N, C-alpha and C. Protein backbone atom coordinates (compact mmCIF):
# COMPACT_ATOMS: atom_id res chain seq x y z
N MET A 1 -22.99 3.26 4.72
CA MET A 1 -21.63 3.67 4.45
C MET A 1 -20.64 2.92 5.34
N LEU A 2 -20.90 2.86 6.61
CA LEU A 2 -20.01 2.18 7.53
C LEU A 2 -20.61 0.86 8.02
N ARG A 3 -21.40 0.20 7.18
CA ARG A 3 -22.05 -1.04 7.59
C ARG A 3 -21.02 -2.16 7.76
N TRP A 4 -19.90 -2.09 7.04
CA TRP A 4 -18.89 -3.13 7.13
C TRP A 4 -18.28 -3.23 8.52
N ILE A 5 -18.27 -2.13 9.26
CA ILE A 5 -17.64 -2.12 10.59
C ILE A 5 -18.40 -2.99 11.59
N SER A 6 -19.67 -3.21 11.35
CA SER A 6 -20.44 -4.05 12.26
C SER A 6 -20.34 -5.53 11.91
N SER A 7 -19.66 -5.85 10.81
CA SER A 7 -19.44 -7.25 10.45
C SER A 7 -18.30 -7.82 11.29
N THR A 8 -18.17 -9.13 11.29
CA THR A 8 -17.10 -9.78 12.05
C THR A 8 -15.73 -9.32 11.57
N VAL A 9 -15.55 -9.29 10.27
CA VAL A 9 -14.27 -8.86 9.70
C VAL A 9 -13.99 -7.40 10.03
N GLY A 10 -14.99 -6.55 9.86
CA GLY A 10 -14.82 -5.13 10.14
C GLY A 10 -14.50 -4.87 11.61
N LEU A 11 -15.19 -5.56 12.49
CA LEU A 11 -14.94 -5.40 13.92
C LEU A 11 -13.54 -5.90 14.28
N ALA A 12 -13.15 -7.03 13.72
CA ALA A 12 -11.82 -7.58 14.00
C ALA A 12 -10.74 -6.64 13.49
N LEU A 13 -10.91 -6.10 12.30
CA LEU A 13 -9.92 -5.15 11.77
C LEU A 13 -9.86 -3.87 12.60
N THR A 14 -11.01 -3.40 13.04
CA THR A 14 -11.05 -2.18 13.84
C THR A 14 -10.35 -2.38 15.18
N VAL A 15 -10.70 -3.45 15.89
CA VAL A 15 -10.08 -3.72 17.19
C VAL A 15 -8.58 -3.96 17.02
N GLY A 16 -8.21 -4.74 16.01
CA GLY A 16 -6.79 -4.99 15.76
C GLY A 16 -6.02 -3.73 15.42
N SER A 17 -6.62 -2.88 14.60
CA SER A 17 -5.97 -1.62 14.22
C SER A 17 -5.78 -0.70 15.41
N VAL A 18 -6.81 -0.57 16.23
CA VAL A 18 -6.73 0.28 17.41
C VAL A 18 -5.66 -0.26 18.37
N ALA A 19 -5.62 -1.57 18.58
CA ALA A 19 -4.62 -2.17 19.47
C ALA A 19 -3.20 -1.92 18.93
N GLY A 20 -3.01 -2.05 17.63
CA GLY A 20 -1.70 -1.79 17.04
C GLY A 20 -1.27 -0.34 17.20
N ILE A 21 -2.19 0.57 16.98
CA ILE A 21 -1.89 2.00 17.14
C ILE A 21 -1.58 2.32 18.60
N LEU A 22 -2.34 1.73 19.53
CA LEU A 22 -2.06 1.95 20.95
C LEU A 22 -0.71 1.39 21.35
N ALA A 23 -0.33 0.23 20.81
CA ALA A 23 0.99 -0.34 21.11
C ALA A 23 2.09 0.58 20.61
N PHE A 24 1.92 1.15 19.42
CA PHE A 24 2.90 2.08 18.87
C PHE A 24 3.00 3.33 19.75
N ALA A 25 1.85 3.88 20.12
CA ALA A 25 1.82 5.08 20.96
C ALA A 25 2.44 4.80 22.33
N LEU A 26 2.17 3.62 22.87
CA LEU A 26 2.76 3.24 24.15
C LEU A 26 4.28 3.25 24.07
N GLY A 27 4.81 2.73 22.99
CA GLY A 27 6.26 2.73 22.80
C GLY A 27 6.81 4.15 22.74
N LEU A 28 6.10 5.03 22.05
CA LEU A 28 6.57 6.41 21.92
C LEU A 28 6.45 7.19 23.23
N ILE A 29 5.33 7.00 23.91
CA ILE A 29 5.03 7.82 25.08
C ILE A 29 5.70 7.30 26.34
N VAL A 30 5.77 6.00 26.53
CA VAL A 30 6.26 5.43 27.79
C VAL A 30 7.67 4.87 27.64
N GLN A 31 7.86 3.98 26.70
CA GLN A 31 9.10 3.24 26.65
C GLN A 31 10.29 4.06 26.13
N ALA A 32 10.11 4.84 25.09
CA ALA A 32 11.22 5.61 24.54
C ALA A 32 11.78 6.61 25.55
N PRO A 33 10.94 7.42 26.22
CA PRO A 33 11.49 8.33 27.22
C PRO A 33 12.13 7.58 28.40
N ALA A 34 11.53 6.47 28.81
CA ALA A 34 12.11 5.70 29.92
C ALA A 34 13.47 5.14 29.54
N ASN A 35 13.61 4.67 28.31
CA ASN A 35 14.91 4.18 27.85
C ASN A 35 15.94 5.30 27.80
N ALA A 36 15.54 6.47 27.32
CA ALA A 36 16.46 7.61 27.26
C ALA A 36 16.86 8.05 28.66
N HIS A 37 15.89 8.06 29.56
CA HIS A 37 16.15 8.49 30.93
C HIS A 37 17.04 7.48 31.64
N LEU A 38 16.85 6.22 31.33
CA LEU A 38 17.61 5.16 31.97
C LEU A 38 19.10 5.33 31.72
N ALA A 39 19.46 5.83 30.57
CA ALA A 39 20.87 6.01 30.24
C ALA A 39 21.53 7.10 31.07
N ALA A 40 20.73 8.01 31.63
CA ALA A 40 21.30 9.16 32.31
C ALA A 40 21.06 9.19 33.82
N VAL A 41 20.52 8.16 34.39
CA VAL A 41 20.19 8.20 35.81
C VAL A 41 21.24 7.52 36.66
N GLN A 42 21.15 7.78 37.94
CA GLN A 42 22.03 7.11 38.89
C GLN A 42 21.50 5.71 39.14
N MET A 43 22.33 4.87 39.73
CA MET A 43 21.99 3.47 39.97
C MET A 43 20.71 3.30 40.80
N ALA A 44 20.43 4.23 41.69
CA ALA A 44 19.25 4.12 42.55
C ALA A 44 17.95 4.20 41.76
N GLU A 45 17.98 4.88 40.64
CA GLU A 45 16.76 5.07 39.85
C GLU A 45 16.59 4.00 38.78
N ILE A 46 17.58 3.18 38.57
CA ILE A 46 17.52 2.21 37.48
C ILE A 46 16.38 1.22 37.67
N ALA A 47 16.18 0.74 38.88
CA ALA A 47 15.12 -0.24 39.12
C ALA A 47 13.74 0.32 38.76
N ALA A 48 13.49 1.57 39.10
CA ALA A 48 12.19 2.18 38.79
C ALA A 48 12.00 2.32 37.27
N GLN A 49 13.05 2.70 36.57
CA GLN A 49 12.97 2.84 35.12
C GLN A 49 12.81 1.47 34.45
N GLN A 50 13.50 0.46 34.98
CA GLN A 50 13.37 -0.89 34.42
C GLN A 50 11.95 -1.41 34.62
N LYS A 51 11.32 -1.07 35.73
CA LYS A 51 9.93 -1.47 35.98
C LYS A 51 9.00 -0.84 34.93
N LYS A 52 9.21 0.45 34.63
CA LYS A 52 8.41 1.12 33.62
C LYS A 52 8.59 0.45 32.26
N ILE A 53 9.82 0.13 31.92
CA ILE A 53 10.11 -0.50 30.63
C ILE A 53 9.47 -1.88 30.57
N SER A 54 9.59 -2.62 31.67
CA SER A 54 9.00 -3.96 31.72
C SER A 54 7.48 -3.91 31.59
N ASP A 55 6.86 -3.01 32.32
CA ASP A 55 5.40 -2.85 32.24
C ASP A 55 4.98 -2.43 30.84
N GLY A 56 5.71 -1.49 30.26
CA GLY A 56 5.40 -1.04 28.91
C GLY A 56 5.54 -2.16 27.89
N ALA A 57 6.57 -2.98 28.04
CA ALA A 57 6.78 -4.10 27.13
C ALA A 57 5.65 -5.12 27.28
N TRP A 58 5.22 -5.36 28.52
CA TRP A 58 4.13 -6.31 28.75
C TRP A 58 2.85 -5.83 28.09
N TRP A 59 2.50 -4.57 28.33
CA TRP A 59 1.27 -4.02 27.73
C TRP A 59 1.39 -3.96 26.22
N GLY A 60 2.58 -3.63 25.72
CA GLY A 60 2.78 -3.63 24.27
C GLY A 60 2.55 -5.01 23.68
N ALA A 61 3.05 -6.05 24.37
CA ALA A 61 2.84 -7.42 23.91
C ALA A 61 1.37 -7.80 23.93
N VAL A 62 0.66 -7.38 24.98
CA VAL A 62 -0.78 -7.66 25.05
C VAL A 62 -1.51 -6.98 23.90
N LEU A 63 -1.21 -5.72 23.66
CA LEU A 63 -1.88 -4.99 22.58
C LEU A 63 -1.54 -5.56 21.21
N MET A 64 -0.28 -5.96 21.02
CA MET A 64 0.10 -6.55 19.75
C MET A 64 -0.54 -7.92 19.55
N THR A 65 -0.74 -8.67 20.64
CA THR A 65 -1.45 -9.94 20.55
C THR A 65 -2.89 -9.72 20.13
N ILE A 66 -3.53 -8.70 20.69
CA ILE A 66 -4.90 -8.37 20.30
C ILE A 66 -4.94 -7.98 18.82
N ALA A 67 -3.94 -7.21 18.39
CA ALA A 67 -3.88 -6.82 16.97
C ALA A 67 -3.70 -8.05 16.09
N LEU A 68 -2.84 -8.97 16.51
CA LEU A 68 -2.61 -10.20 15.75
C LEU A 68 -3.87 -11.05 15.66
N ILE A 69 -4.57 -11.18 16.78
CA ILE A 69 -5.83 -11.94 16.78
C ILE A 69 -6.84 -11.27 15.87
N GLY A 70 -6.92 -9.95 15.91
CA GLY A 70 -7.83 -9.22 15.02
C GLY A 70 -7.51 -9.46 13.56
N MET A 71 -6.22 -9.45 13.21
CA MET A 71 -5.84 -9.71 11.82
C MET A 71 -6.14 -11.15 11.42
N PHE A 72 -5.93 -12.09 12.37
CA PHE A 72 -6.21 -13.49 12.10
C PHE A 72 -7.70 -13.72 11.87
N ILE A 73 -8.53 -13.10 12.71
CA ILE A 73 -9.98 -13.25 12.56
C ILE A 73 -10.44 -12.64 11.24
N ALA A 74 -9.89 -11.49 10.89
CA ALA A 74 -10.29 -10.81 9.67
C ALA A 74 -9.90 -11.58 8.42
N ARG A 75 -8.88 -12.38 8.54
CA ARG A 75 -8.40 -13.15 7.40
C ARG A 75 -9.40 -14.20 7.08
């Protein structure tokens, strides 16, 4: 039933799908609240919030790259 998942295409699609979902969740869980909070904080807290946003964007880019590679391999 799930024999396709052990194939190269199936594995690439699975890894790519999981990475894409994680990138989406990262945006919802980390970046969206940090962006909302950034609008309401004092200047002293801005650097800490910008670091969170920067880190989240970096990890999002890494996860989306993995998703892109997975889609490319599956193609």
